[in-house]
Amino acid sequence: MATLNSVGACRSGFSLLLSSRLYKTFVCPKLEYVLAISTLLKQDIKVLESIQDKCLRMIVGGHATSFTIVLKHICNLPSMKFRADVLKAKFCIRSRFLPAQFLLSLLHRHHTIYSSLVSLGKNNLLSHLPPTLKLRSPSAVKNHFESIREAGFATFLQSNTQVLIQACCPVLGVDPILFLPASCVERGCLIRWRMR
């Protein structure tokens, strides 16, 4: 992220949309590398969230304690906890359709107590999968996960009293303000106006 920041993923460089996409393309995969097969503690999730917040603050030039909730919402960046749950759920779904002679299938079938699939399967997203959902269809699974994320965001909006997040667009997605042609100064004013 420091390298991206030095070449223009900062407040005075690229647009916020491009900077957030660069972050999502190059930095997020490094943060998410082992999440699909790791059982994470709450403190691990907090560390990952703080790393993501630090990277986003580098993009906008925020100070060390500035909030990033609005920035994540405007750029449509999910929390690291949600990403970890999605990756674990996808890993477990794919493992169900592996041939019986694969090592993972053999380990899970013969040594269930040592199998990591048991602990990875204790996942909120995986437990909310309807039985009628076609698990072999990646688009159906993705749409289901997005609907869970939207429901979670609606609940978050109802319980949250922060003025900035309440003033944002109530739909998950990249904010249309980021697509308007504008200079860095004008876009900064538009984003501040959006957050009021």
C-alpha atoms as a PDB file:
ATOM      1  CA  MET A   1       0.000   0.000   0.000  1.00  0.00           C
ATOM      2  CA  ALA A   2       2.898   2.334   0.725  1.00  0.00           C
ATOM      3  CA  THR A   3       4.175   1.737  -2.825  1.00  0.00           C
ATOM      4  CA  LEU A   4       0.754   2.477  -4.331  1.00  0.00           C
ATOM      5  CA  ASN A   5       0.508   5.547  -2.116  1.00  0.00           C
ATOM      6  CA  SER A   6       3.869   6.824  -3.347  1.00  0.00           C
ATOM      7  CA  VAL A   7       2.914   6.483  -7.029  1.00  0.00           C
ATOM      8  CA  GLY A   8      -0.434   8.279  -6.727  1.00  0.00           C
ATOM      9  CA  ALA A   9      -2.997   6.354  -4.632  1.00  0.00           C
ATOM     10  CA  CYS A  10      -3.352   9.342  -2.315  1.00  0.00           C
ATOM     11  CA  ARG A  11      -5.482  12.428  -1.818  1.00  0.00           C
ATOM     12  CA  SER A  12      -3.463  14.559  -4.249  1.00  0.00           C
ATOM     13  CA  GLY A  13      -2.978  11.801  -6.841  1.00  0.00           C
ATOM     14  CA  PHE A  14      -5.463   9.426  -8.425  1.00  0.00           C
ATOM     15  CA  SER A  15      -9.208   9.711  -7.921  1.00  0.00           C
ATOM     16  CA  LEU A  16     -10.737   8.024  -4.891  1.00  0.00           C
ATOM     17  CA  LEU A  17     -12.452   5.466  -7.140  1.00  0.00           C
ATOM     18  CA  LEU A  18      -9.206   4.464  -8.875  1.00  0.00           C
ATOM     19  CA  SER A  19      -7.263   4.416  -5.586  1.00  0.00           C
ATOM     20  CA  SER A  20      -9.887   2.208  -3.940  1.00  0.00           C
ATOM     21  CA  ARG A  21      -9.846  -0.159  -6.922  1.00  0.00           C
ATOM     22  CA  LEU A  22      -6.062  -0.346  -6.819  1.00  0.00           C
ATOM     23  CA  TYR A  23      -6.319  -1.203  -3.124  1.00  0.00           C
ATOM     24  CA  LYS A  24      -8.965  -3.840  -3.850  1.00  0.00           C
ATOM     25  CA  THR A  25      -6.934  -5.352  -6.700  1.00  0.00           C
ATOM     26  CA  PHE A  26      -3.426  -5.402  -5.252  1.00  0.00           C
ATOM     27  CA  VAL A  27      -3.596  -5.119  -1.457  1.00  0.00           C
ATOM     28  CA  CYS A  28      -6.783  -7.013  -0.532  1.00  0.00           C
ATOM     29  CA  PRO A  29      -5.624 -10.332  -2.047  1.00  0.00           C
ATOM     30  CA  LYS A  30      -2.513 -10.189   0.143  1.00  0.00           C
ATOM     31  CA  LEU A  31      -4.652  -9.592   3.243  1.00  0.00           C
ATOM     32  CA  GLU A  32      -7.059 -12.371   2.250  1.00  0.00           C
ATOM     33  CA  TYR A  33      -4.417 -14.915   1.190  1.00  0.00           C
ATOM     34  CA  VAL A  34      -4.979 -17.540   3.894  1.00  0.00           C
ATOM     35  CA  LEU A  35      -8.374 -16.461   5.239  1.00  0.00           C
ATOM     36  CA  ALA A  36     -10.249 -19.297   3.492  1.00  0.00           C
ATOM     37  CA  ILE A  37      -8.474 -21.997   5.511  1.00  0.00           C
ATOM     38  CA  SER A  38      -7.806 -20.165   8.778  1.00  0.00           C
ATOM     39  CA  THR A  39      -9.850 -20.219  11.939  1.00  0.00           C
ATOM     40  CA  LEU A  40      -9.578 -16.653  13.156  1.00  0.00           C
ATOM     41  CA  LEU A  41     -10.033 -15.301  16.653  1.00  0.00           C
ATOM     42  CA  LYS A  42     -11.783 -11.999  17.348  1.00  0.00           C
ATOM     43  CA  GLN A  43      -8.443 -10.311  17.918  1.00  0.00           C
ATOM     44  CA  ASP A  44      -7.236 -11.540  14.494  1.00  0.00           C
ATOM     45  CA  ILE A  45     -10.275  -9.962  12.846  1.00  0.00           C
ATOM     46  CA  LYS A  46      -9.597  -6.698  14.721  1.00  0.00           C
ATOM     47  CA  VAL A  47      -5.992  -6.682  13.475  1.00  0.00           C
ATOM     48  CA  LEU A  48      -7.136  -7.266   9.881  1.00  0.00           C
ATOM     49  CA  GLU A  49      -9.748  -4.496  10.179  1.00  0.00           C
ATOM     50  CA  SER A  50      -7.150  -2.091  11.574  1.00  0.00           C
ATOM     51  CA  ILE A  51      -4.772  -2.909   8.696  1.00  0.00           C
ATOM     52  CA  GLN A  52      -7.553  -2.244   6.183  1.00  0.00           C
ATOM     53  CA  ASP A  53      -8.405   1.030   7.939  1.00  0.00           C
ATOM     54  CA  LYS A  54      -4.751   2.089   7.873  1.00  0.00           C
ATOM     55  CA  CYS A  55      -4.537   1.407   4.124  1.00  0.00           C
ATOM     56  CA  LEU A  56      -7.711   3.403   3.455  1.00  0.00           C
ATOM     57  CA  ARG A  57      -6.427   6.295   5.562  1.00  0.00           C
ATOM     58  CA  MET A  58      -3.319   6.360   3.371  1.00  0.00           C
ATOM     59  CA  ILE A  59      -5.570   6.879   0.334  1.00  0.00           C
ATOM     60  CA  VAL A  60      -7.465   9.854   1.774  1.00  0.00           C
ATOM     61  CA  GLY A  61      -4.705  11.249   3.988  1.00  0.00           C
ATOM     62  CA  GLY A  62      -6.668  10.700   7.199  1.00  0.00           C
ATOM     63  CA  HIS A  63      -5.092  10.825  10.630  1.00  0.00           C
ATOM     64  CA  ALA A  64      -4.494   7.687  12.679  1.00  0.00           C
ATOM     65  CA  THR A  65      -7.866   7.742  14.461  1.00  0.00           C
ATOM     66  CA  SER A  66     -10.157   8.927  11.645  1.00  0.00           C
ATOM     67  CA  PHE A  67     -13.241   6.839  10.889  1.00  0.00           C
ATOM     68  CA  THR A  68     -13.292   4.789   7.684  1.00  0.00           C
ATOM     69  CA  ILE A  69     -16.891   3.512   7.800  1.00  0.00           C
ATOM     70  CA  VAL A  70     -18.142   6.130   5.336  1.00  0.00           C
ATOM     71  CA  LEU A  71     -15.165   5.609   3.021  1.00  0.00           C
ATOM     72  CA  LYS A  72     -15.791   1.840   2.946  1.00  0.00           C
ATOM     73  CA  HIS A  73     -19.451   2.479   2.156  1.00  0.00           C
ATOM     74  CA  ILE A  74     -18.769   5.033  -0.602  1.00  0.00           C
ATOM     75  CA  CYS A  75     -16.216   2.716  -2.271  1.00  0.00           C
ATOM     76  CA  ASN A  76     -18.290  -0.442  -1.572  1.00  0.00           C
ATOM     77  CA  LEU A  77     -15.538  -2.221   0.363  1.00  0.00           C
ATOM     78  CA  PRO A  78     -16.785  -4.991   2.691  1.00  0.00           C
ATOM     79  CA  SER A  79     -15.340  -5.526   6.136  1.00  0.00           C
ATOM     80  CA  MET A  80     -12.555  -8.055   6.541  1.00  0.00           C
ATOM     81  CA  LYS A  81     -14.819 -10.215   8.721  1.00  0.00           C
ATOM     82  CA  PHE A  82     -17.379 -10.474   5.934  1.00  0.00           C
ATOM     83  CA  ARG A  83     -14.644 -11.254   3.389  1.00  0.00           C
ATOM     84  CA  ALA A  84     -13.211 -13.963   5.653  1.00  0.00           C
ATOM     85  CA  ASP A  85     -16.676 -15.513   6.078  1.00  0.00           C
ATOM     86  CA  VAL A  86     -17.276 -15.453   2.304  1.00  0.00           C
ATOM     87  CA  LEU A  87     -13.931 -17.086   1.531  1.00  0.00           C
ATOM     88  CA  LYS A  88     -14.467 -19.801   4.159  1.00  0.00           C
ATOM     89  CA  ALA A  89     -17.987 -20.494   2.906  1.00  0.00           C
ATOM     90  CA  LYS A  90     -16.792 -20.760  -0.706  1.00  0.00           C
ATOM     91  CA  PHE A  91     -13.977 -23.086   0.342  1.00  0.00           C
ATOM     92  CA  CYS A  92     -16.420 -25.364   2.204  1.00  0.00           C
ATOM     93  CA  ILE A  93     -18.882 -25.360  -0.710  1.00  0.00           C
ATOM     94  CA  ARG A  94     -16.143 -26.299  -3.186  1.00  0.00           C
ATOM     95  CA  SER A  95     -14.881 -29.038  -0.900  1.00  0.00           C
ATOM     96  CA  ARG A  96     -18.322 -30.701  -0.975  1.00  0.00           C
ATOM     97  CA  PHE A  97     -17.971 -31.361  -4.695  1.00  0.00           C
ATOM     98  CA  LEU A  98     -14.410 -32.716  -4.668  1.00  0.00           C
ATOM     99  CA  PRO A  99     -13.947 -36.292  -5.914  1.00  0.00           C
ATOM    100  CA  ALA A 100     -13.737 -38.897  -3.146  1.00  0.00           C
ATOM    101  CA  GLN A 101     -10.086 -39.761  -3.903  1.00  0.00           C
ATOM    102  CA  PHE A 102      -8.800 -36.203  -3.247  1.00  0.00           C
ATOM    103  CA  LEU A 103      -6.636 -35.798  -0.148  1.00  0.00           C
ATOM    104  CA  LEU A 104      -8.949 -33.251   1.484  1.00  0.00           C
ATOM    105  CA  SER A 105     -11.960 -35.549   0.989  1.00  0.00           C
ATOM    106  CA  LEU A 106     -10.056 -38.550   2.364  1.00  0.00           C
ATOM    107  CA  LEU A 107      -8.842 -36.619   5.424  1.00  0.00           C
ATOM    108  CA  HIS A 108     -12.290 -35.271   6.161  1.00  0.00           C
ATOM    109  CA  ARG A 109     -13.976 -38.653   5.759  1.00  0.00           C
ATOM    110  CA  HIS A 110     -11.458 -40.738   7.762  1.00  0.00           C
ATOM    111  CA  HIS A 111     -10.184 -38.193  10.326  1.00  0.00           C
ATOM    112  CA  THR A 112     -13.161 -35.936  10.916  1.00  0.00           C
ATOM    113  CA  ILE A 113     -11.934 -34.685  14.308  1.00  0.00           C
ATOM    114  CA  TYR A 114      -8.703 -33.411  12.721  1.00  0.00           C
ATOM    115  CA  SER A 115     -10.376 -31.965   9.644  1.00  0.00           C
ATOM    116  CA  SER A 116     -10.335 -28.186   9.378  1.00  0.00           C
ATOM    117  CA  LEU A 117     -13.608 -28.312   7.427  1.00  0.00           C
ATOM    118  CA  VAL A 118     -15.518 -28.852  10.670  1.00  0.00           C
ATOM    119  CA  SER A 119     -14.297 -25.592  12.213  1.00  0.00           C
ATOM    120  CA  LEU A 120     -14.485 -23.699   8.905  1.00  0.00           C
ATOM    121  CA  GLY A 121     -18.065 -24.900   8.445  1.00  0.00           C
ATOM    122  CA  LYS A 122     -19.148 -23.038  11.594  1.00  0.00           C
ATOM    123  CA  ASN A 123     -19.770 -19.939   9.541  1.00  0.00           C
ATOM    124  CA  ASN A 124     -22.750 -17.571   9.588  1.00  0.00           C
ATOM    125  CA  LEU A 125     -22.933 -17.345   5.803  1.00  0.00           C
ATOM    126  CA  LEU A 126     -22.710 -21.098   5.364  1.00  0.00           C
ATOM    127  CA  SER A 127     -25.358 -21.762   7.999  1.00  0.00           C
ATOM    128  CA  HIS A 128     -27.800 -19.372   6.254  1.00  0.00           C
ATOM    129  CA  LEU A 129     -27.547 -21.074   2.862  1.00  0.00           C
ATOM    130  CA  PRO A 130     -31.021 -22.198   1.814  1.00  0.00           C
ATOM    131  CA  PRO A 131     -31.197 -25.885   0.812  1.00  0.00           C
ATOM    132  CA  THR A 132     -32.814 -24.956  -2.533  1.00  0.00           C
ATOM    133  CA  LEU A 133     -29.832 -22.819  -3.603  1.00  0.00           C
ATOM    134  CA  LYS A 134     -27.845 -24.316  -6.476  1.00  0.00           C
ATOM    135  CA  LEU A 135     -24.421 -24.575  -4.881  1.00  0.00           C
ATOM    136  CA  ARG A 136     -22.731 -25.336  -8.180  1.00  0.00           C
ATOM    137  CA  SER A 137     -23.812 -21.946  -9.511  1.00  0.00           C
ATOM    138  CA  PRO A 138     -21.238 -19.320  -8.402  1.00  0.00           C
ATOM    139  CA  SER A 139     -23.544 -16.452  -9.373  1.00  0.00           C
ATOM    140  CA  ALA A 140     -26.378 -17.784  -7.182  1.00  0.00           C
ATOM    141  CA  VAL A 141     -24.027 -18.145  -4.206  1.00  0.00           C
ATOM    142  CA  LYS A 142     -22.584 -14.665  -4.821  1.00  0.00           C
ATOM    143  CA  ASN A 143     -26.071 -13.117  -5.026  1.00  0.00           C
ATOM    144  CA  HIS A 144     -27.049 -14.864  -1.804  1.00  0.00           C
ATOM    145  CA  PHE A 145     -23.962 -13.525   0.005  1.00  0.00           C
ATOM    146  CA  GLU A 146     -24.664 -10.014  -1.313  1.00  0.00           C
ATOM    147  CA  SER A 147     -28.258 -10.186  -0.052  1.00  0.00           C
ATOM    148  CA  ILE A 148     -26.953 -11.165   3.404  1.00  0.00           C
ATOM    149  CA  ARG A 149     -24.514  -8.235   3.270  1.00  0.00           C
ATOM    150  CA  GLU A 150     -27.329  -5.844   2.287  1.00  0.00           C
ATOM    151  CA  ALA A 151     -29.514  -7.111   5.141  1.00  0.00           C
ATOM    152  CA  GLY A 152     -26.613  -6.670   7.565  1.00  0.00           C
ATOM    153  CA  PHE A 153     -26.022  -3.126   6.299  1.00  0.00           C
ATOM    154  CA  ALA A 154     -29.724  -2.246   6.698  1.00  0.00           C
ATOM    155  CA  THR A 155     -29.579  -3.489  10.300  1.00  0.00           C
ATOM    156  CA  PHE A 156     -26.378  -1.507  10.859  1.00  0.00           C
ATOM    157  CA  LEU A 157     -28.033   1.685   9.528  1.00  0.00           C
ATOM    158  CA  GLN A 158     -31.007   1.284  11.860  1.00  0.00           C
ATOM    159  CA  SER A 159     -28.840   0.764  14.939  1.00  0.00           C
ATOM    160  CA  ASN A 160     -26.201   3.399  14.082  1.00  0.00           C
ATOM    161  CA  THR A 161     -26.636   7.043  15.041  1.00  0.00           C
ATOM    162  CA  GLN A 162     -23.601   8.493  13.221  1.00  0.00           C
ATOM    163  CA  VAL A 163     -24.715  11.385  11.041  1.00  0.00           C
ATOM    164  CA  LEU A 164     -22.149  10.759   8.300  1.00  0.00           C
ATOM    165  CA  ILE A 165     -23.128   7.167   7.574  1.00  0.00           C
ATOM    166  CA  GLN A 166     -26.849   8.003   7.827  1.00  0.00           C
ATOM    167  CA  ALA A 167     -26.407  10.709   5.160  1.00  0.00           C
ATOM    168  CA  CYS A 168     -24.772   8.352   2.658  1.00  0.00           C
ATOM    169  CA  CYS A 169     -26.584   6.549  -0.120  1.00  0.00           C
ATOM    170  CA  PRO A 170     -28.544   3.728   1.627  1.00  0.00           C
ATOM    171  CA  VAL A 171     -27.794   1.205  -1.146  1.00  0.00           C
ATOM    172  CA  LEU A 172     -24.638  -0.912  -1.238  1.00  0.00           C
ATOM    173  CA  GLY A 173     -22.541  -0.078  -4.272  1.00  0.00           C
ATOM    174  CA  VAL A 174     -19.986   2.438  -5.449  1.00  0.00           C
ATOM    175  CA  ASP A 175     -21.365   5.924  -4.814  1.00  0.00           C
ATOM    176  CA  PRO A 176     -22.330   7.704  -8.087  1.00  0.00           C
ATOM    177  CA  ILE A 177     -20.380  10.790  -6.954  1.00  0.00           C
ATOM    178  CA  LEU A 178     -17.143   8.907  -7.631  1.00  0.00           C
ATOM    179  CA  PHE A 179     -18.035   8.580 -11.336  1.00  0.00           C
ATOM    180  CA  LEU A 180     -18.568  12.302 -11.947  1.00  0.00           C
ATOM    181  CA  PRO A 181     -15.773  14.023 -13.906  1.00  0.00           C
ATOM    182  CA  ALA A 182     -14.150  16.418 -11.448  1.00  0.00           C
ATOM    183  CA  SER A 183     -10.790  17.629 -10.219  1.00  0.00           C
ATOM    184  CA  CYS A 184      -9.384  16.358  -6.918  1.00  0.00           C
ATOM    185  CA  VAL A 185     -10.515  19.513  -5.104  1.00  0.00           C
ATOM    186  CA  GLU A 186     -14.016  19.402  -6.594  1.00  0.00           C
ATOM    187  CA  ARG A 187     -14.377  15.687  -5.841  1.00  0.00           C
ATOM    188  CA  GLY A 188     -13.248  16.301  -2.252  1.00  0.00           C
ATOM    189  CA  CYS A 189     -15.973  18.944  -1.908  1.00  0.00           C
ATOM    190  CA  LEU A 190     -18.564  16.575  -3.408  1.00  0.00           C
ATOM    191  CA  ILE A 191     -17.593  13.769  -1.038  1.00  0.00           C
ATOM    192  CA  ARG A 192     -17.704  16.125   1.958  1.00  0.00           C
ATOM    193  CA  TRP A 193     -21.125  17.318   0.754  1.00  0.00           C
ATOM    194  CA  ARG A 194     -22.259  13.678   0.488  1.00  0.00           C
ATOM    195  CA  MET A 195     -21.129  13.037   4.036  1.00  0.00           C
ATOM    196  CA  ARG A 196     -23.114  15.992   5.458  1.00  0.00           C
END
